[in-house]
Amino acid sequence: MTIRPLADRVVVKSVEVEETTSSGIILSASAQEKPQVAEVVAVGPGGMVDGNEVKMYVKVGDKVITGKYSGTEVKLNKEEYTIVRQSDILAVVE
């Protein structure tokens, strides 16, 4: 089973970042804030959204920064994904 986003939606998967404090303590995933850096897994076709033409600027494989609490979290095949609108993506990490 796969996820195919519609319109201006983008499916992203959080990138696991090992966080180390300045004193060298490694924080577990549960002790960290929700990661804002994610990898694009699927991109919708764009098109007309709310009467406006939307062109998709991100592509599969891009690393992006999303809004902290944006999107809808879904779980599929034991993997967690977030579906966001392209407008919720703040930047592409290069």
C-alpha atoms as a PDB file:
ATOM      1  CA  MET A   1       0.000   0.000   0.000  1.00  0.00           C
ATOM      2  CA  THR A   2       1.291   3.476  -0.859  1.00  0.00           C
ATOM      3  CA  ILE A   3       0.179   7.051  -0.270  1.00  0.00           C
ATOM      4  CA  ARG A   4      -0.604   9.217  -3.306  1.00  0.00           C
ATOM      5  CA  PRO A   5      -1.215  12.830  -2.264  1.00  0.00           C
ATOM      6  CA  LEU A   6      -3.807  14.940  -4.057  1.00  0.00           C
ATOM      7  CA  ALA A   7      -3.653  18.549  -5.261  1.00  0.00           C
ATOM      8  CA  ASP A   8      -0.987  20.604  -3.432  1.00  0.00           C
ATOM      9  CA  ARG A   9      -0.289  18.051  -0.719  1.00  0.00           C
ATOM     10  CA  VAL A  10       3.124  16.547   0.041  1.00  0.00           C
ATOM     11  CA  VAL A  11       3.918  13.390   2.041  1.00  0.00           C
ATOM     12  CA  VAL A  12       7.021  13.745   4.212  1.00  0.00           C
ATOM     13  CA  LYS A  13       8.851  11.458   6.608  1.00  0.00           C
ATOM     14  CA  SER A  14      10.744  12.908   9.569  1.00  0.00           C
ATOM     15  CA  VAL A  15      14.495  12.576   9.413  1.00  0.00           C
ATOM     16  CA  GLU A  16      15.866  11.008  12.589  1.00  0.00           C
ATOM     17  CA  VAL A  17      18.518  13.287  14.029  1.00  0.00           C
ATOM     18  CA  GLU A  18      20.597  12.107  16.967  1.00  0.00           C
ATOM     19  CA  GLU A  19      20.683  15.038  19.342  1.00  0.00           C
ATOM     20  CA  THR A  20      23.671  15.487  21.633  1.00  0.00           C
ATOM     21  CA  THR A  21      23.801  18.136  24.346  1.00  0.00           C
ATOM     22  CA  SER A  22      26.862  20.362  24.841  1.00  0.00           C
ATOM     23  CA  SER A  23      27.976  18.089  27.693  1.00  0.00           C
ATOM     24  CA  GLY A  24      27.887  15.013  25.419  1.00  0.00           C
ATOM     25  CA  ILE A  25      24.628  13.440  26.592  1.00  0.00           C
ATOM     26  CA  ILE A  26      22.720  11.775  23.742  1.00  0.00           C
ATOM     27  CA  LEU A  27      18.986  12.501  23.931  1.00  0.00           C
ATOM     28  CA  SER A  28      16.541   9.750  23.048  1.00  0.00           C
ATOM     29  CA  ALA A  29      13.869  10.389  20.438  1.00  0.00           C
ATOM     30  CA  SER A  30      11.201  10.707  23.132  1.00  0.00           C
ATOM     31  CA  ALA A  31      13.176  13.463  24.895  1.00  0.00           C
ATOM     32  CA  GLN A  32      13.503  15.578  21.775  1.00  0.00           C
ATOM     33  CA  GLU A  33      11.113  18.013  20.173  1.00  0.00           C
ATOM     34  CA  LYS A  34       9.289  16.959  17.024  1.00  0.00           C
ATOM     35  CA  PRO A  35      11.801  17.153  14.161  1.00  0.00           C
ATOM     36  CA  GLN A  36      11.126  19.871  11.637  1.00  0.00           C
ATOM     37  CA  VAL A  37      13.438  18.468   8.966  1.00  0.00           C
ATOM     38  CA  ALA A  38      11.784  15.847   6.780  1.00  0.00           C
ATOM     39  CA  GLU A  39      12.337  14.029   3.524  1.00  0.00           C
ATOM     40  CA  VAL A  40       9.740  14.312   0.764  1.00  0.00           C
ATOM     41  CA  VAL A  41       8.295  10.866  -0.012  1.00  0.00           C
ATOM     42  CA  ALA A  42       5.503  11.785  -2.459  1.00  0.00           C
ATOM     43  CA  VAL A  43       4.238  14.948  -4.150  1.00  0.00           C
ATOM     44  CA  GLY A  44       0.744  15.747  -5.417  1.00  0.00           C
ATOM     45  CA  PRO A  45       0.179  16.977  -8.978  1.00  0.00           C
ATOM     46  CA  GLY A  46      -0.631  20.586  -8.065  1.00  0.00           C
ATOM     47  CA  GLY A  47      -3.204  22.200 -10.359  1.00  0.00           C
ATOM     48  CA  MET A  48      -6.181  24.315  -9.350  1.00  0.00           C
ATOM     49  CA  VAL A  49      -6.519  24.701  -5.580  1.00  0.00           C
ATOM     50  CA  ASP A  50      -9.137  27.084  -4.185  1.00  0.00           C
ATOM     51  CA  GLY A  51      -9.389  28.780  -7.585  1.00  0.00           C
ATOM     52  CA  ASN A  52      -5.640  29.410  -7.879  1.00  0.00           C
ATOM     53  CA  GLU A  53      -3.101  27.588 -10.041  1.00  0.00           C
ATOM     54  CA  VAL A  54      -0.530  25.822  -7.807  1.00  0.00           C
ATOM     55  CA  LYS A  55       2.836  24.744  -9.203  1.00  0.00           C
ATOM     56  CA  MET A  56       4.731  22.155  -7.164  1.00  0.00           C
ATOM     57  CA  TYR A  57       8.261  23.272  -6.247  1.00  0.00           C
ATOM     58  CA  VAL A  58       9.394  20.268  -4.207  1.00  0.00           C
ATOM     59  CA  LYS A  59      10.247  16.810  -5.507  1.00  0.00           C
ATOM     60  CA  VAL A  60      10.678  13.349  -4.022  1.00  0.00           C
ATOM     61  CA  GLY A  61      13.951  13.106  -2.118  1.00  0.00           C
ATOM     62  CA  ASP A  62      14.150  16.790  -1.145  1.00  0.00           C
ATOM     63  CA  LYS A  63      14.950  17.551   2.499  1.00  0.00           C
ATOM     64  CA  VAL A  64      12.535  20.219   3.726  1.00  0.00           C
ATOM     65  CA  ILE A  65      11.714  22.188   6.858  1.00  0.00           C
ATOM     66  CA  THR A  66       8.037  22.144   7.808  1.00  0.00           C
ATOM     67  CA  GLY A  67       6.044  24.132  10.312  1.00  0.00           C
ATOM     68  CA  LYS A  68       6.357  22.707  13.816  1.00  0.00           C
ATOM     69  CA  TYR A  69       2.726  21.619  14.197  1.00  0.00           C
ATOM     70  CA  SER A  70       1.632  21.500  10.564  1.00  0.00           C
ATOM     71  CA  GLY A  71       0.127  18.604   8.698  1.00  0.00           C
ATOM     72  CA  THR A  72      -1.705  15.400   9.462  1.00  0.00           C
ATOM     73  CA  GLU A  73       0.207  12.443  10.842  1.00  0.00           C
ATOM     74  CA  VAL A  74      -0.580   9.016   9.389  1.00  0.00           C
ATOM     75  CA  LYS A  75       0.843   5.555  10.001  1.00  0.00           C
ATOM     76  CA  LEU A  76       1.173   3.114   7.107  1.00  0.00           C
ATOM     77  CA  ASN A  77       3.061  -0.198   7.126  1.00  0.00           C
ATOM     78  CA  LYS A  78       4.549   0.618  10.551  1.00  0.00           C
ATOM     79  CA  GLU A  79       6.048   3.860   9.160  1.00  0.00           C
ATOM     80  CA  GLU A  80       4.948   7.314  10.279  1.00  0.00           C
ATOM     81  CA  TYR A  81       4.369  10.014   7.678  1.00  0.00           C
ATOM     82  CA  THR A  82       3.015  13.552   7.731  1.00  0.00           C
ATOM     83  CA  ILE A  83       0.840  14.972   4.959  1.00  0.00           C
ATOM     84  CA  VAL A  84       1.274  18.732   4.573  1.00  0.00           C
ATOM     85  CA  ARG A  85       0.259  21.346   2.057  1.00  0.00           C
ATOM     86  CA  GLN A  86       3.132  22.694  -0.010  1.00  0.00           C
ATOM     87  CA  SER A  87       2.485  26.087   1.608  1.00  0.00           C
ATOM     88  CA  ASP A  88       3.319  24.524   5.034  1.00  0.00           C
ATOM     89  CA  ILE A  89       6.854  23.803   3.806  1.00  0.00           C
ATOM     90  CA  LEU A  90       9.059  26.666   4.932  1.00  0.00           C
ATOM     91  CA  ALA A  91      12.313  25.832   3.107  1.00  0.00           C
ATOM     92  CA  VAL A  92      14.253  23.250   1.139  1.00  0.00           C
ATOM     93  CA  VAL A  93      17.511  22.176   2.810  1.00  0.00           C
ATOM     94  CA  GLU A  94      20.366  22.083   0.277  1.00  0.00           C
END
